[in-house]
């Protein structure tokens, strides 16, 4: 019987993967991988995964027969990589915003003592990079 690499029991609920609908999965997976400084993994069935490095993958799924409904994805990123991500967005000519309504162009925010920015991917999903998690009470 084949064994998975990690057979330890799960003791907490964890996000393992989420599907991201795209009209062109290679374009969209490549886009977020480039912004975040990651790699696109080998296809897994109909999915094209981007491994976030924390046990979670974004599994891009191509959906061409109907409109893609915009979703929001927020990424907690290392502070020392934030400037490089903004620079990659600028190089890619992708506008970033300080606010989720995408009205404060070319700026970042400083919520919860960190830095953050919003931008859209090729299918209109709103992506967010933050260096500090939002406080929940």
C-alpha atoms as a PDB file:
ATOM      1  CA  UNK A   1       0.000   0.000   0.000  1.00  0.00           C
ATOM      2  CA  UNK A   2       1.516   3.390  -0.968  1.00  0.00           C
ATOM      3  CA  UNK A   3       2.148   5.851   1.821  1.00  0.00           C
ATOM      4  CA  UNK A   4       1.726   9.592   1.669  1.00  0.00           C
ATOM      5  CA  UNK A   5       4.785  11.652   2.581  1.00  0.00           C
ATOM      6  CA  UNK A   6       3.157  12.871   5.805  1.00  0.00           C
ATOM      7  CA  UNK A   7       1.041  10.351   7.687  1.00  0.00           C
ATOM      8  CA  UNK A   8       0.790  12.332  10.929  1.00  0.00           C
ATOM      9  CA  UNK A   9      -2.785  12.825  12.153  1.00  0.00           C
ATOM     10  CA  UNK A  10      -4.489  16.142  11.570  1.00  0.00           C
ATOM     11  CA  UNK A  11      -5.310  17.797  14.896  1.00  0.00           C
ATOM     12  CA  UNK A  12      -6.670  21.165  13.710  1.00  0.00           C
ATOM     13  CA  UNK A  13      -8.760  22.305  10.797  1.00  0.00           C
ATOM     14  CA  UNK A  14      -6.505  23.632   8.040  1.00  0.00           C
ATOM     15  CA  UNK A  15      -7.164  24.946   4.564  1.00  0.00           C
ATOM     16  CA  UNK A  16      -5.556  22.488   2.151  1.00  0.00           C
ATOM     17  CA  UNK A  17      -6.482  23.925  -1.247  1.00  0.00           C
ATOM     18  CA  UNK A  18      -9.010  26.099  -2.980  1.00  0.00           C
ATOM     19  CA  UNK A  19     -10.118  26.131  -6.595  1.00  0.00           C
ATOM     20  CA  UNK A  20      -9.650  29.336  -8.544  1.00  0.00           C
ATOM     21  CA  UNK A  21     -11.714  29.577 -11.713  1.00  0.00           C
ATOM     22  CA  UNK A  22      -9.912  31.023 -14.721  1.00  0.00           C
ATOM     23  CA  UNK A  23     -10.584  31.442 -18.422  1.00  0.00           C
ATOM     24  CA  UNK A  24      -6.916  30.540 -19.049  1.00  0.00           C
ATOM     25  CA  UNK A  25      -5.473  28.579 -16.133  1.00  0.00           C
ATOM     26  CA  UNK A  26      -1.856  28.886 -17.323  1.00  0.00           C
ATOM     27  CA  UNK A  27      -2.124  32.655 -17.645  1.00  0.00           C
ATOM     28  CA  UNK A  28      -3.803  33.117 -14.259  1.00  0.00           C
ATOM     29  CA  UNK A  29      -1.640  30.627 -12.337  1.00  0.00           C
ATOM     30  CA  UNK A  30       1.481  32.120 -13.921  1.00  0.00           C
ATOM     31  CA  UNK A  31       0.316  35.615 -13.033  1.00  0.00           C
ATOM     32  CA  UNK A  32      -0.104  35.003  -9.291  1.00  0.00           C
ATOM     33  CA  UNK A  33       3.022  32.841  -9.144  1.00  0.00           C
ATOM     34  CA  UNK A  34       5.047  35.655 -10.703  1.00  0.00           C
ATOM     35  CA  UNK A  35       3.648  38.312  -8.369  1.00  0.00           C
ATOM     36  CA  UNK A  36       4.239  36.193  -5.253  1.00  0.00           C
ATOM     37  CA  UNK A  37       7.630  34.873  -6.391  1.00  0.00           C
ATOM     38  CA  UNK A  38       6.423  31.256  -6.547  1.00  0.00           C
ATOM     39  CA  UNK A  39       6.316  28.476  -9.138  1.00  0.00           C
ATOM     40  CA  UNK A  40       3.423  26.852 -10.944  1.00  0.00           C
ATOM     41  CA  UNK A  41       3.361  23.117 -10.185  1.00  0.00           C
ATOM     42  CA  UNK A  42       2.732  20.271 -12.616  1.00  0.00           C
ATOM     43  CA  UNK A  43      -0.910  19.748 -13.552  1.00  0.00           C
ATOM     44  CA  UNK A  44      -2.961  17.549 -11.220  1.00  0.00           C
ATOM     45  CA  UNK A  45      -5.832  16.233 -13.291  1.00  0.00           C
ATOM     46  CA  UNK A  46      -7.735  19.254 -14.613  1.00  0.00           C
ATOM     47  CA  UNK A  47      -6.112  21.555 -12.055  1.00  0.00           C
ATOM     48  CA  UNK A  48      -2.971  23.673 -12.308  1.00  0.00           C
ATOM     49  CA  UNK A  49      -1.688  24.210  -8.751  1.00  0.00           C
ATOM     50  CA  UNK A  50       0.339  27.028  -7.276  1.00  0.00           C
ATOM     51  CA  UNK A  51       1.882  25.850  -3.998  1.00  0.00           C
ATOM     52  CA  UNK A  52       1.896  28.659  -1.441  1.00  0.00           C
ATOM     53  CA  UNK A  53       4.558  26.916   0.648  1.00  0.00           C
ATOM     54  CA  UNK A  54       2.410  26.469   3.759  1.00  0.00           C
ATOM     55  CA  UNK A  55       0.574  23.295   2.817  1.00  0.00           C
ATOM     56  CA  UNK A  56      -2.050  25.192   0.797  1.00  0.00           C
ATOM     57  CA  UNK A  57      -2.409  25.248  -2.971  1.00  0.00           C
ATOM     58  CA  UNK A  58      -4.394  27.442  -5.305  1.00  0.00           C
ATOM     59  CA  UNK A  59      -5.759  24.946  -7.828  1.00  0.00           C
ATOM     60  CA  UNK A  60      -6.524  26.809 -11.036  1.00  0.00           C
ATOM     61  CA  UNK A  61      -9.418  25.314 -12.975  1.00  0.00           C
ATOM     62  CA  UNK A  62     -10.221  26.412 -16.498  1.00  0.00           C
ATOM     63  CA  UNK A  63     -13.815  27.443 -16.991  1.00  0.00           C
ATOM     64  CA  UNK A  64     -14.578  28.811 -20.446  1.00  0.00           C
ATOM     65  CA  UNK A  65     -18.283  28.095 -20.876  1.00  0.00           C
ATOM     66  CA  UNK A  66     -19.584  30.688 -18.407  1.00  0.00           C
ATOM     67  CA  UNK A  67     -18.566  33.975 -16.839  1.00  0.00           C
ATOM     68  CA  UNK A  68     -16.103  33.889 -13.951  1.00  0.00           C
ATOM     69  CA  UNK A  69     -17.471  35.463 -10.784  1.00  0.00           C
ATOM     70  CA  UNK A  70     -14.843  37.591  -9.067  1.00  0.00           C
ATOM     71  CA  UNK A  71     -13.565  36.284  -5.734  1.00  0.00           C
ATOM     72  CA  UNK A  72     -11.205  37.758  -3.139  1.00  0.00           C
ATOM     73  CA  UNK A  73      -7.939  36.062  -2.124  1.00  0.00           C
ATOM     74  CA  UNK A  74      -5.696  37.531   0.595  1.00  0.00           C
ATOM     75  CA  UNK A  75      -2.088  36.446   1.047  1.00  0.00           C
ATOM     76  CA  UNK A  76      -0.068  37.026   4.203  1.00  0.00           C
ATOM     77  CA  UNK A  77       3.434  37.674   2.847  1.00  0.00           C
ATOM     78  CA  UNK A  78       6.824  38.232   4.485  1.00  0.00           C
ATOM     79  CA  UNK A  79       7.499  41.921   5.063  1.00  0.00           C
ATOM     80  CA  UNK A  80      10.925  41.648   3.434  1.00  0.00           C
ATOM     81  CA  UNK A  81       9.298  40.405   0.187  1.00  0.00           C
ATOM     82  CA  UNK A  82       6.487  42.969  -0.012  1.00  0.00           C
ATOM     83  CA  UNK A  83       8.502  45.626  -1.911  1.00  0.00           C
ATOM     84  CA  UNK A  84       9.618  43.035  -4.479  1.00  0.00           C
ATOM     85  CA  UNK A  85       5.999  42.012  -5.050  1.00  0.00           C
ATOM     86  CA  UNK A  86       4.963  45.631  -5.594  1.00  0.00           C
ATOM     87  CA  UNK A  87       7.916  46.045  -7.973  1.00  0.00           C
ATOM     88  CA  UNK A  88       6.819  42.956  -9.931  1.00  0.00           C
ATOM     89  CA  UNK A  89       3.290  44.379 -10.215  1.00  0.00           C
ATOM     90  CA  UNK A  90       4.770  47.630 -11.514  1.00  0.00           C
ATOM     91  CA  UNK A  91       6.955  45.752 -14.020  1.00  0.00           C
ATOM     92  CA  UNK A  92       3.892  43.806 -15.168  1.00  0.00           C
ATOM     93  CA  UNK A  93       2.003  47.122 -15.480  1.00  0.00           C
ATOM     94  CA  UNK A  94      -0.632  45.957 -13.012  1.00  0.00           C
ATOM     95  CA  UNK A  95      -2.094  48.746 -10.911  1.00  0.00           C
ATOM     96  CA  UNK A  96      -2.159  48.160  -7.172  1.00  0.00           C
ATOM     97  CA  UNK A  97      -4.437  49.945  -4.729  1.00  0.00           C
ATOM     98  CA  UNK A  98      -4.471  50.785  -1.031  1.00  0.00           C
ATOM     99  CA  UNK A  99      -8.165  49.939  -0.652  1.00  0.00           C
ATOM    100  CA  UNK A 100     -10.475  47.008  -1.464  1.00  0.00           C
ATOM    101  CA  UNK A 101     -12.734  49.201  -3.605  1.00  0.00           C
ATOM    102  CA  UNK A 102      -9.748  49.740  -5.923  1.00  0.00           C
ATOM    103  CA  UNK A 103     -10.014  53.537  -5.861  1.00  0.00           C
ATOM    104  CA  UNK A 104      -6.679  54.574  -4.273  1.00  0.00           C
ATOM    105  CA  UNK A 105      -4.346  53.651  -7.157  1.00  0.00           C
ATOM    106  CA  UNK A 106      -0.586  53.336  -6.851  1.00  0.00           C
ATOM    107  CA  UNK A 107      -0.638  53.386  -3.054  1.00  0.00           C
ATOM    108  CA  UNK A 108      -0.402  50.864  -0.239  1.00  0.00           C
ATOM    109  CA  UNK A 109      -2.111  50.768   3.154  1.00  0.00           C
ATOM    110  CA  UNK A 110      -0.652  50.428   6.651  1.00  0.00           C
ATOM    111  CA  UNK A 111      -3.412  48.528   8.415  1.00  0.00           C
ATOM    112  CA  UNK A 112      -2.679  46.768  11.721  1.00  0.00           C
ATOM    113  CA  UNK A 113       0.925  47.974  11.695  1.00  0.00           C
ATOM    114  CA  UNK A 114       1.779  46.283   8.417  1.00  0.00           C
ATOM    115  CA  UNK A 115       1.589  47.030   4.719  1.00  0.00           C
ATOM    116  CA  UNK A 116      -0.979  45.917   2.200  1.00  0.00           C
ATOM    117  CA  UNK A 117      -2.132  46.305  -1.381  1.00  0.00           C
ATOM    118  CA  UNK A 118      -4.908  45.083  -3.651  1.00  0.00           C
ATOM    119  CA  UNK A 119      -4.785  44.238  -7.359  1.00  0.00           C
ATOM    120  CA  UNK A 120      -6.793  42.231  -9.870  1.00  0.00           C
ATOM    121  CA  UNK A 121      -5.746  39.116 -11.742  1.00  0.00           C
ATOM    122  CA  UNK A 122      -6.490  38.426 -15.441  1.00  0.00           C
ATOM    123  CA  UNK A 123     -10.016  37.192 -14.612  1.00  0.00           C
ATOM    124  CA  UNK A 124     -10.903  40.053 -12.282  1.00  0.00           C
ATOM    125  CA  UNK A 125     -10.322  38.260  -8.976  1.00  0.00           C
ATOM    126  CA  UNK A 126      -9.293  40.764  -6.311  1.00  0.00           C
ATOM    127  CA  UNK A 127      -5.956  39.725  -4.848  1.00  0.00           C
ATOM    128  CA  UNK A 128      -4.532  41.202  -1.655  1.00  0.00           C
ATOM    129  CA  UNK A 129      -1.065  41.055  -0.155  1.00  0.00           C
ATOM    130  CA  UNK A 130      -0.616  41.938   3.521  1.00  0.00           C
ATOM    131  CA  UNK A 131       2.355  41.782   5.865  1.00  0.00           C
ATOM    132  CA  UNK A 132       0.345  41.576   9.106  1.00  0.00           C
ATOM    133  CA  UNK A 133      -2.773  39.524   9.706  1.00  0.00           C
ATOM    134  CA  UNK A 134      -5.938  41.451  10.358  1.00  0.00           C
ATOM    135  CA  UNK A 135      -6.946  41.552  13.998  1.00  0.00           C
ATOM    136  CA  UNK A 136     -10.152  39.645  14.714  1.00  0.00           C
ATOM    137  CA  UNK A 137     -12.143  40.162  17.920  1.00  0.00           C
END
